[in-house]
Amino acid sequence: MSQNAPIRRIALLTAGGFAPCLSAAVAGLVRRYGDVLPDAEIIAYQYGYHGLLTGNYVVVDEAAREAIDVLDRFGGSPIGNSRVKLTNAKDLVKRGLVNEGEDPLQVAAERLRSDGVDVLHTIGGDDTNTTAADLAAYLEQNDYHLTVVGLPKTIDNDIVPIRQSLGATTAAQQASRFAQNIIGEHRSNPRMLIVHEVMGRHCGWLTAAAARDYRSWWQEQTWNPALGLTQERWDIHAVLLPELKIDLQAEATRLRAIMDEVGNVNIFLSEGAGVPEIVAELEAAGEEVKRDPFGHVMLDTINPGAWFAKQFAELIGAEKVMVQKSGYFSRSAPANEEDLALIRSMTDLAVDTAMAGESGVIGHDEENGDQLTAIAFPRIGGGKAFDVSAGWFVDLLAQIGQPLVPAETTGH
């Protein structure tokens, strides 16, 4: 088909882990197309690339369009996600999504061709969006033009070169809200250690932003020290990130002094902190470290929060330890007002970009003055490290008395 051909059929898919933006982003795209291209048909592949491979989609009919605003009030994804890597043929054969000897990328591309898709909108992280670019490139080589416009979704906020990914701000706020309840457990036992494990495989932005949001809430509270309700006991006493060097002995000495004085210690821990050391320890002991289809270490199986809790508990003399994970609570929340505004600006531009026949990922380009634009797929990457020299984070660590020591290497 010609690049100048009219847009007749638009496909949407959401992929990867959840973030508090997927439902509202689907709504934003449907609304915008309703305004500027009302006669075009919109379909939604179910469960991301899983649905694309199997040809499982629903048509966004009139009833769905009339109730589209409802999606803004919900988290999760109404059209479903899955973790499917199109370049991992072995895994896809095992799951029955392609046949032995088939090229999954070709299967997916031919499905788009047979479904008559002119525009594909992918809402996901770097893997989701760069895979979509590979599909478009394959089809282009086979005389079928597909416009692909992605939206950046990850609560880790680690997509290069995008300043702010959709859903990350909400996830940080929700992780803070989670902590506001969990940290109340510090009086359930003398010498209590609470580890709040936050999502963030390679990037500590979410943990840092959640800590900032929590301390903003904390500073606004009124206390009753005479009865034991003290500001010090409700504070965050350490923030551990992949981008920070963690000296267990030195940090334990600092935290033990807090435990002796205050009676409890509260730690915000990024799930990616210390993972190389933990993996090395497990493999040295002869244990197998499980990995997902993308080759990522399955963090639930190595349990970083429990590992750090075990190390610190003895060193600081904790009598009771609690490890709580806010990840699923945070990532499945509905988008807050700040994220809704960001989503609307990005979905509007995504549709305008698609109608112009251009491809790319929508975002504020950090390498071009934070301009909101369609960023070329080759420039998209994952694993962007959190900048621990950011002024607000330097101030946060100074306020809680934690030394700022960057790790020797960051990102991946």
Protein backbone atom coordinates (compact mmCIF):
# COMPACT_ATOMS: atom_id res chain seq x y z
CA MET A 1 0.00 0.00 0.00
CA SER A 2 1.12 3.58 -0.54
CA GLN A 3 2.34 5.79 2.32
CA ASN A 4 -0.27 8.33 1.19
CA ALA A 5 -3.17 5.89 1.38
CA PRO A 6 -6.00 6.80 3.75
CA ILE A 7 -6.05 5.33 7.25
CA ARG A 8 -8.83 2.80 7.43
CA ARG A 9 -7.82 0.54 10.29
CA ILE A 10 -5.92 1.38 13.47
CA ALA A 11 -4.65 -1.20 15.95
CA LEU A 12 -3.77 -0.71 19.60
CA LEU A 13 -1.85 -2.97 21.96
CA THR A 14 -0.46 -2.69 25.49
CA ALA A 15 2.50 -4.83 26.49
CA GLY A 16 4.94 -5.60 29.27
CA GLY A 17 4.16 -5.00 32.93
CA PHE A 18 1.30 -2.77 34.01
CA ALA A 19 1.66 0.95 34.71
CA PRO A 20 -0.95 3.49 35.85
CA CYS A 21 -1.49 4.82 32.35
CA LEU A 22 -2.56 1.96 30.11
CA SER A 23 -6.31 2.26 30.50
CA ALA A 24 -6.27 6.05 30.17
CA ALA A 25 -3.89 5.90 27.19
CA VAL A 26 -6.25 3.55 25.34
CA ALA A 27 -9.05 5.99 26.12
CA GLY A 28 -7.00 8.95 24.94
CA LEU A 29 -6.22 7.38 21.58
CA VAL A 30 -9.83 6.32 20.98
CA ARG A 31 -11.12 9.79 21.91
CA ARG A 32 -8.67 11.59 19.66
CA TYR A 33 -9.42 9.40 16.66
CA GLY A 34 -13.12 9.94 17.32
CA ASP A 35 -12.51 13.67 16.96
CA VAL A 36 -10.25 13.71 13.90
CA LEU A 37 -10.90 10.43 12.06
CA PRO A 38 -14.30 9.15 13.21
CA ASP A 39 -14.84 6.76 10.29
CA ALA A 40 -11.64 4.77 10.83
CA GLU A 41 -12.02 1.38 12.50
CA ILE A 42 -10.06 0.75 15.68
CA ILE A 43 -9.14 -2.72 16.87
CA ALA A 44 -7.34 -3.75 20.07
CA TYR A 45 -5.14 -6.81 20.19
CA GLN A 46 -5.75 -8.76 23.39
CA TYR A 47 -2.80 -9.31 25.73
CA GLY A 48 -0.30 -7.38 23.62
CA TYR A 49 1.93 -9.33 21.24
CA HIS A 50 0.27 -12.54 22.45
CA GLY A 51 -2.94 -11.39 20.75
CA LEU A 52 -1.08 -10.20 17.68
CA LEU A 53 0.51 -13.60 17.16
CA THR A 54 -2.79 -15.44 17.67
CA GLY A 55 -5.01 -12.96 15.82
CA ASN A 56 -7.04 -12.27 18.96
CA TYR A 57 -8.52 -8.78 18.87
CA VAL A 58 -11.70 -6.86 19.62
CA VAL A 59 -13.23 -4.07 17.59
CA VAL A 60 -13.72 -0.79 19.41
CA ASP A 61 -17.38 -0.42 18.49
CA GLU A 62 -19.83 2.40 19.10
CA ALA A 63 -20.76 1.16 22.57
CA ALA A 64 -17.10 1.07 23.57
CA ARG A 65 -16.54 4.59 22.24
CA GLU A 66 -19.55 6.00 24.07
CA ALA A 67 -18.24 4.74 27.42
CA ILE A 68 -14.57 5.45 26.72
CA ASP A 69 -14.20 8.04 29.50
CA VAL A 70 -14.79 5.30 32.07
CA LEU A 71 -11.32 3.95 31.32
CA ASP A 72 -9.70 7.04 32.86
CA ARG A 73 -10.92 5.93 36.28
CA PHE A 74 -9.33 2.47 36.21
CA GLY A 75 -5.86 0.99 36.44
CA GLY A 76 -4.60 -2.11 34.67
CA SER A 77 -5.24 -2.57 30.96
CA PRO A 78 -8.73 -3.27 29.59
CA ILE A 79 -7.17 -4.92 26.52
CA GLY A 80 -4.64 -7.01 28.44
CA ASN A 81 -0.86 -7.33 28.59
CA SER A 82 1.65 -10.16 28.42
CA ARG A 83 5.41 -10.59 28.39
CA VAL A 84 6.09 -11.82 24.86
CA LYS A 85 9.46 -11.27 23.20
CA LEU A 86 9.17 -11.79 19.45
CA THR A 87 12.87 -12.56 19.07
CA ASN A 88 12.71 -15.41 21.60
CA ALA A 89 11.39 -18.10 19.24
CA LYS A 90 12.20 -20.95 21.61
CA ASP A 91 9.97 -19.50 24.33
CA LEU A 92 7.14 -18.77 21.88
CA VAL A 93 7.24 -22.32 20.48
CA LYS A 94 7.12 -23.67 24.03
CA ARG A 95 4.07 -21.49 24.76
CA GLY A 96 2.32 -22.59 21.57
CA LEU A 97 2.28 -19.10 20.05
CA VAL A 98 4.26 -20.04 16.93
CA ASN A 99 5.21 -23.30 15.27
CA GLU A 100 8.68 -24.79 15.24
CA GLY A 101 10.75 -23.22 12.47
CA GLU A 102 8.57 -20.08 12.17
CA ASP A 103 10.03 -16.60 12.58
CA PRO A 104 7.80 -14.90 15.20
CA LEU A 105 8.57 -11.46 13.79
CA GLN A 106 7.38 -12.60 10.36
CA VAL A 107 4.26 -14.25 11.85
CA ALA A 108 3.35 -11.02 13.66
CA ALA A 109 4.07 -8.83 10.65
CA GLU A 110 2.01 -10.99 8.34
CA ARG A 111 -0.84 -10.88 10.86
CA LEU A 112 -0.81 -7.10 10.70
CA ARG A 113 -0.86 -7.28 6.93
CA SER A 114 -3.72 -9.81 6.83
CA ASP A 115 -5.68 -7.79 9.38
CA GLY A 116 -5.35 -4.72 7.15
CA VAL A 117 -3.75 -2.53 9.83
CA ASP A 118 -2.55 0.86 8.60
CA VAL A 119 -1.47 2.31 11.95
CA LEU A 120 -0.22 0.45 15.02
CA HIS A 121 -0.09 2.16 18.41
CA THR A 122 2.01 0.35 21.01
CA ILE A 123 1.87 1.36 24.66
CA GLY A 124 4.86 -0.11 26.45
CA GLY A 125 8.53 0.15 27.34
CA ASP A 126 11.59 0.12 25.13
CA ASP A 127 11.21 -3.58 24.20
CA THR A 128 7.57 -3.10 23.20
CA ASN A 129 8.23 -0.08 21.04
CA THR A 130 11.44 -1.19 19.35
CA THR A 131 9.84 -4.53 18.50
CA ALA A 132 7.02 -2.63 16.82
CA ALA A 133 9.63 -0.75 14.80
CA ASP A 134 11.11 -4.08 13.69
CA LEU A 135 7.67 -5.18 12.51
CA ALA A 136 7.24 -1.99 10.50
CA ALA A 137 10.69 -2.41 8.96
CA TYR A 138 9.89 -5.98 7.91
CA LEU A 139 6.62 -4.92 6.29
CA GLU A 140 8.27 -1.97 4.54
CA GLN A 141 10.77 -4.39 2.98
CA ASN A 142 7.80 -6.37 1.75
CA ASP A 143 5.99 -3.43 0.14
CA TYR A 144 3.52 -2.79 2.96
CA HIS A 145 3.73 0.54 4.75
CA LEU A 146 2.77 0.47 8.42
CA THR A 147 2.93 3.59 10.56
CA VAL A 148 3.92 2.76 14.14
CA VAL A 149 3.56 5.31 16.92
CA GLY A 150 4.49 4.22 20.41
CA LEU A 151 3.73 5.64 23.84
CA PRO A 152 6.30 5.27 26.65
CA LYS A 153 5.03 3.17 29.54
CA THR A 154 7.20 2.19 32.49
CA ILE A 155 6.94 2.99 36.17
CA ASP A 156 10.74 2.83 36.35
CA ASN A 157 10.96 5.99 34.21
CA ASP A 158 14.04 4.56 32.50
CA ILE A 159 13.44 5.01 28.76
CA VAL A 160 16.19 6.80 26.82
CA PRO A 161 15.87 9.72 25.89
CA ILE A 162 12.40 10.35 27.36
CA ARG A 163 12.14 12.68 30.34
CA GLN A 164 8.98 11.25 31.86
CA SER A 165 7.26 7.98 31.03
CA LEU A 166 3.53 7.58 31.45
CA GLY A 167 2.33 6.28 34.80
CA ALA A 168 5.59 6.78 36.70
CA THR A 169 4.40 9.78 38.71
CA THR A 170 1.26 7.94 39.80
CA ALA A 171 3.27 4.85 40.73
CA ALA A 172 5.55 6.93 42.96
CA GLN A 173 2.55 8.52 44.65
CA GLN A 174 0.95 5.12 45.21
CA ALA A 175 4.18 3.63 46.62
CA SER A 176 4.24 6.54 49.07
CA ARG A 177 0.63 5.88 50.02
CA PHE A 178 1.47 2.21 50.56
CA ALA A 179 4.34 3.20 52.88
CA GLN A 180 2.12 5.54 54.87
CA ASN A 181 0.26 2.46 56.10
CA ILE A 182 3.11 -0.04 56.26
CA ILE A 183 5.41 2.19 58.30
CA GLY A 184 2.69 2.34 60.94
CA GLU A 185 3.78 -1.22 61.75
CA HIS A 186 6.97 0.07 63.38
CA ARG A 187 5.28 -0.04 66.82
CA SER A 188 4.14 -3.64 66.44
CA ASN A 189 7.37 -4.79 68.12
CA PRO A 190 10.43 -3.27 69.82
CA ARG A 191 13.46 -2.74 67.56
CA MET A 192 11.47 -3.13 64.36
CA LEU A 193 13.08 -3.14 60.88
CA ILE A 194 10.76 -2.37 57.96
CA VAL A 195 11.99 -2.77 54.38
CA HIS A 196 9.71 -1.24 51.74
CA GLU A 197 10.72 -2.86 48.44
CA VAL A 198 9.83 -0.73 45.42
CA MET A 199 9.93 -1.79 41.76
CA GLY A 200 12.91 -0.68 39.69
CA ARG A 201 15.13 -3.33 38.12
CA HIS A 202 17.91 -1.11 36.78
CA CYS A 203 16.73 2.35 37.73
CA GLY A 204 16.11 3.79 41.19
CA TRP A 205 13.97 6.73 40.07
CA LEU A 206 10.69 5.22 41.34
CA THR A 207 12.11 4.45 44.79
CA ALA A 208 13.62 7.92 45.05
CA ALA A 209 10.43 9.63 43.85
CA ALA A 210 8.32 7.54 46.23
CA ALA A 211 10.60 8.54 49.11
CA ARG A 212 10.27 12.19 48.13
CA ASP A 213 6.48 11.94 48.00
CA TYR A 214 6.38 10.12 51.35
CA ARG A 215 8.52 12.73 53.09
CA SER A 216 6.34 15.50 51.68
CA TRP A 217 3.37 13.80 53.36
CA TRP A 218 5.43 13.18 56.52
CA GLN A 219 6.40 16.85 56.82
CA GLU A 220 2.76 17.91 56.73
CA GLN A 221 1.67 15.70 59.66
CA THR A 222 1.04 16.70 63.27
CA TRP A 223 2.59 14.46 65.92
CA ASN A 224 2.07 13.49 69.57
CA PRO A 225 5.52 12.74 71.02
CA ALA A 226 4.24 12.50 74.60
CA LEU A 227 2.32 9.39 73.60
CA GLY A 228 5.04 7.96 71.37
CA LEU A 229 3.78 9.24 68.02
CA THR A 230 7.03 10.84 66.89
CA GLN A 231 8.18 12.24 63.61
CA GLU A 232 11.52 10.42 63.91
CA ARG A 233 9.91 6.97 64.10
CA TRP A 234 7.85 7.64 60.97
CA ASP A 235 10.78 8.93 58.95
CA ILE A 236 12.66 7.12 56.15
CA HIS A 237 16.09 6.19 57.47
CA ALA A 238 17.70 4.85 54.27
CA VAL A 239 17.08 4.86 50.52
CA LEU A 240 18.92 2.10 48.64
CA LEU A 241 19.15 2.27 44.83
CA PRO A 242 21.03 0.46 42.02
CA GLU A 243 22.85 3.74 41.32
CA LEU A 244 24.23 3.98 44.88
CA LYS A 245 27.16 2.09 46.33
CA ILE A 246 25.94 0.14 49.35
CA ASP A 247 28.55 -0.38 52.07
CA LEU A 248 26.68 -2.79 54.33
CA GLN A 249 28.97 -2.42 57.32
CA ALA A 250 29.09 1.38 57.23
CA GLU A 251 25.37 1.70 56.62
CA ALA A 252 24.60 -0.81 59.36
CA THR A 253 26.65 1.24 61.83
CA ARG A 254 24.66 4.35 60.94
CA LEU A 255 21.31 2.53 61.09
CA ARG A 256 22.13 0.80 64.38
CA ALA A 257 22.59 4.21 65.99
CA ILE A 258 19.12 5.17 64.74
CA MET A 259 17.66 1.88 66.01
CA ASP A 260 19.23 2.45 69.45
CA GLU A 261 17.91 6.00 69.67
CA VAL A 262 14.51 5.80 67.93
CA GLY A 263 13.58 2.14 68.36
CA ASN A 264 12.93 1.28 64.70
CA VAL A 265 14.41 1.63 61.19
CA ASN A 266 12.51 2.17 57.91
CA ILE A 267 14.25 1.50 54.56
CA PHE A 268 13.06 2.28 51.03
CA LEU A 269 14.76 -0.27 48.76
CA SER A 270 14.75 -0.43 44.96
CA GLU A 271 14.31 -4.07 43.92
CA GLY A 272 17.37 -3.76 41.68
CA ALA A 273 19.70 -2.59 44.43
CA GLY A 274 22.54 -5.02 45.03
CA VAL A 275 21.20 -7.59 42.52
CA PRO A 276 24.61 -8.38 40.92
CA GLU A 277 26.02 -9.16 44.37
CA ILE A 278 23.03 -11.30 45.33
CA VAL A 279 23.14 -13.24 42.03
CA ALA A 280 26.88 -13.82 42.39
CA GLU A 281 26.38 -15.13 45.93
CA LEU A 282 23.59 -17.50 44.86
CA GLU A 283 25.45 -18.84 41.82
CA ALA A 284 28.61 -19.31 43.87
CA ALA A 285 26.53 -21.48 46.19
CA GLY A 286 25.43 -23.58 43.21
CA GLU A 287 21.88 -22.24 43.03
CA GLU A 288 20.18 -21.62 39.66
CA VAL A 289 19.01 -18.04 39.12
CA LYS A 290 15.84 -18.02 37.03
CA ARG A 291 15.39 -15.55 34.18
CA ASP A 292 12.36 -14.40 32.17
CA PRO A 293 11.96 -14.56 28.33
CA PHE A 294 13.83 -11.25 28.07
CA GLY A 295 16.83 -12.66 29.95
CA HIS A 296 16.10 -10.54 33.03
CA VAL A 297 16.71 -12.08 36.44
CA MET A 298 13.34 -12.98 37.98
CA LEU A 299 13.58 -10.74 41.01
CA ASP A 300 10.79 -12.51 42.89
CA THR A 301 12.94 -15.64 42.97
CA ILE A 302 15.99 -13.94 44.52
CA ASN A 303 14.01 -11.62 46.81
CA PRO A 304 16.30 -8.57 47.21
CA GLY A 305 14.17 -7.14 50.03
CA ALA A 306 14.48 -10.33 52.08
CA TRP A 307 18.22 -10.54 51.34
CA PHE A 308 18.91 -7.01 52.58
CA ALA A 309 16.58 -7.46 55.55
CA LYS A 310 18.53 -10.55 56.58
CA GLN A 311 21.87 -8.75 56.27
CA PHE A 312 20.77 -5.68 58.21
CA ALA A 313 18.68 -7.43 60.88
CA GLU A 314 21.64 -8.98 62.64
CA LEU A 315 23.94 -6.01 62.12
CA ILE A 316 21.54 -3.47 63.65
CA GLY A 317 20.04 -5.72 66.29
CA ALA A 318 16.48 -5.87 64.95
CA GLU A 319 14.09 -8.04 66.96
CA LYS A 320 11.47 -8.22 64.23
CA VAL A 321 11.72 -7.70 60.48
CA MET A 322 9.00 -6.89 57.95
CA VAL A 323 9.52 -6.79 54.16
CA GLN A 324 6.65 -5.34 52.15
CA LYS A 325 6.48 -4.86 48.36
CA SER A 326 4.42 -2.05 46.89
CA GLY A 327 4.95 -2.93 43.22
CA TYR A 328 1.62 -4.46 42.23
CA PHE A 329 -0.28 -2.00 44.42
CA SER A 330 1.43 0.89 42.61
CA ARG A 331 1.51 -0.30 39.03
CA SER A 332 -2.19 -1.20 38.79
CA ALA A 333 -3.52 2.11 40.11
CA PRO A 334 -5.54 4.50 37.94
CA ALA A 335 -3.59 7.48 36.64
CA ASN A 336 -3.59 10.59 38.83
CA GLU A 337 -4.41 14.05 37.49
CA GLU A 338 -0.79 14.84 36.63
CA ASP A 339 -0.43 11.65 34.62
CA LEU A 340 -3.83 12.11 32.97
CA ALA A 341 -2.70 15.49 31.66
CA LEU A 342 0.55 13.96 30.36
CA ILE A 343 -1.35 11.08 28.78
CA ARG A 344 -3.75 13.43 26.98
CA SER A 345 -0.92 15.52 25.55
CA MET A 346 0.92 12.42 24.34
CA THR A 347 -2.09 10.58 22.90
CA ASP A 348 -3.17 13.70 21.00
CA LEU A 349 0.28 14.04 19.47
CA ALA A 350 0.44 10.28 18.79
CA VAL A 351 -2.69 10.48 16.65
CA ASP A 352 -1.53 13.62 14.85
CA THR A 353 1.82 11.94 14.16
CA ALA A 354 0.13 8.81 12.80
CA MET A 355 -2.09 10.87 10.51
CA ALA A 356 1.02 12.55 9.13
CA GLY A 357 2.38 9.09 8.28
CA GLU A 358 5.31 9.42 10.67
CA SER A 359 6.58 6.76 13.07
CA GLY A 360 8.31 7.06 16.43
CA VAL A 361 7.79 7.09 20.18
CA ILE A 362 6.09 10.09 21.71
CA GLY A 363 7.93 11.77 24.56
CA HIS A 364 9.74 14.82 25.89
CA ASP A 365 13.15 14.48 24.27
CA GLU A 366 15.85 15.11 26.89
CA GLU A 367 18.46 15.44 24.16
CA ASN A 368 16.50 18.20 22.37
CA GLY A 369 15.38 20.65 25.02
CA ASP A 370 12.64 18.40 26.45
CA GLN A 371 10.51 19.02 23.37
CA LEU A 372 7.40 16.83 23.13
CA THR A 373 7.86 15.07 19.82
CA ALA A 374 7.95 11.75 17.98
CA ILE A 375 11.38 10.28 18.72
CA ALA A 376 12.90 7.99 16.11
CA PHE A 377 12.92 4.33 17.14
CA PRO A 378 16.71 3.84 16.81
CA ARG A 379 17.17 6.42 19.56
CA ILE A 380 14.94 4.55 22.02
CA GLY A 381 16.66 2.47 24.68
CA GLY A 382 16.05 1.08 28.14
CA GLY A 383 17.90 1.03 31.43
CA LYS A 384 18.35 4.79 31.79
CA ALA A 385 19.98 5.32 35.17
CA PHE A 386 18.53 7.68 37.74
CA ASP A 387 20.70 10.75 38.19
CA VAL A 388 21.56 10.61 41.91
CA SER A 389 23.12 14.09 41.61
CA ALA A 390 19.66 15.62 41.09
CA GLY A 391 19.30 18.43 43.59
CA TRP A 392 16.11 17.16 45.19
CA PHE A 393 17.62 13.72 45.78
CA VAL A 394 20.86 15.11 47.20
CA ASP A 395 18.74 17.15 49.62
CA LEU A 396 16.64 14.12 50.56
CA LEU A 397 19.68 12.02 51.50
CA ALA A 398 21.18 14.92 53.43
CA GLN A 399 17.95 15.31 55.41
CA ILE A 400 17.96 11.65 56.48
CA GLY A 401 21.70 11.62 57.17
CA GLN A 402 22.65 9.11 54.50
CA PRO A 403 25.96 9.59 52.63
CA LEU A 404 25.66 10.00 48.86
CA VAL A 405 28.06 7.52 47.27
CA PRO A 406 27.31 6.77 43.61
CA ALA A 407 27.90 3.25 42.34
CA GLU A 408 30.87 2.79 40.03
CA THR A 409 28.58 1.79 37.15
CA THR A 410 24.88 2.52 36.62
CA GLY A 411 22.21 1.47 34.15
CA HIS A 412 22.78 -1.69 32.09
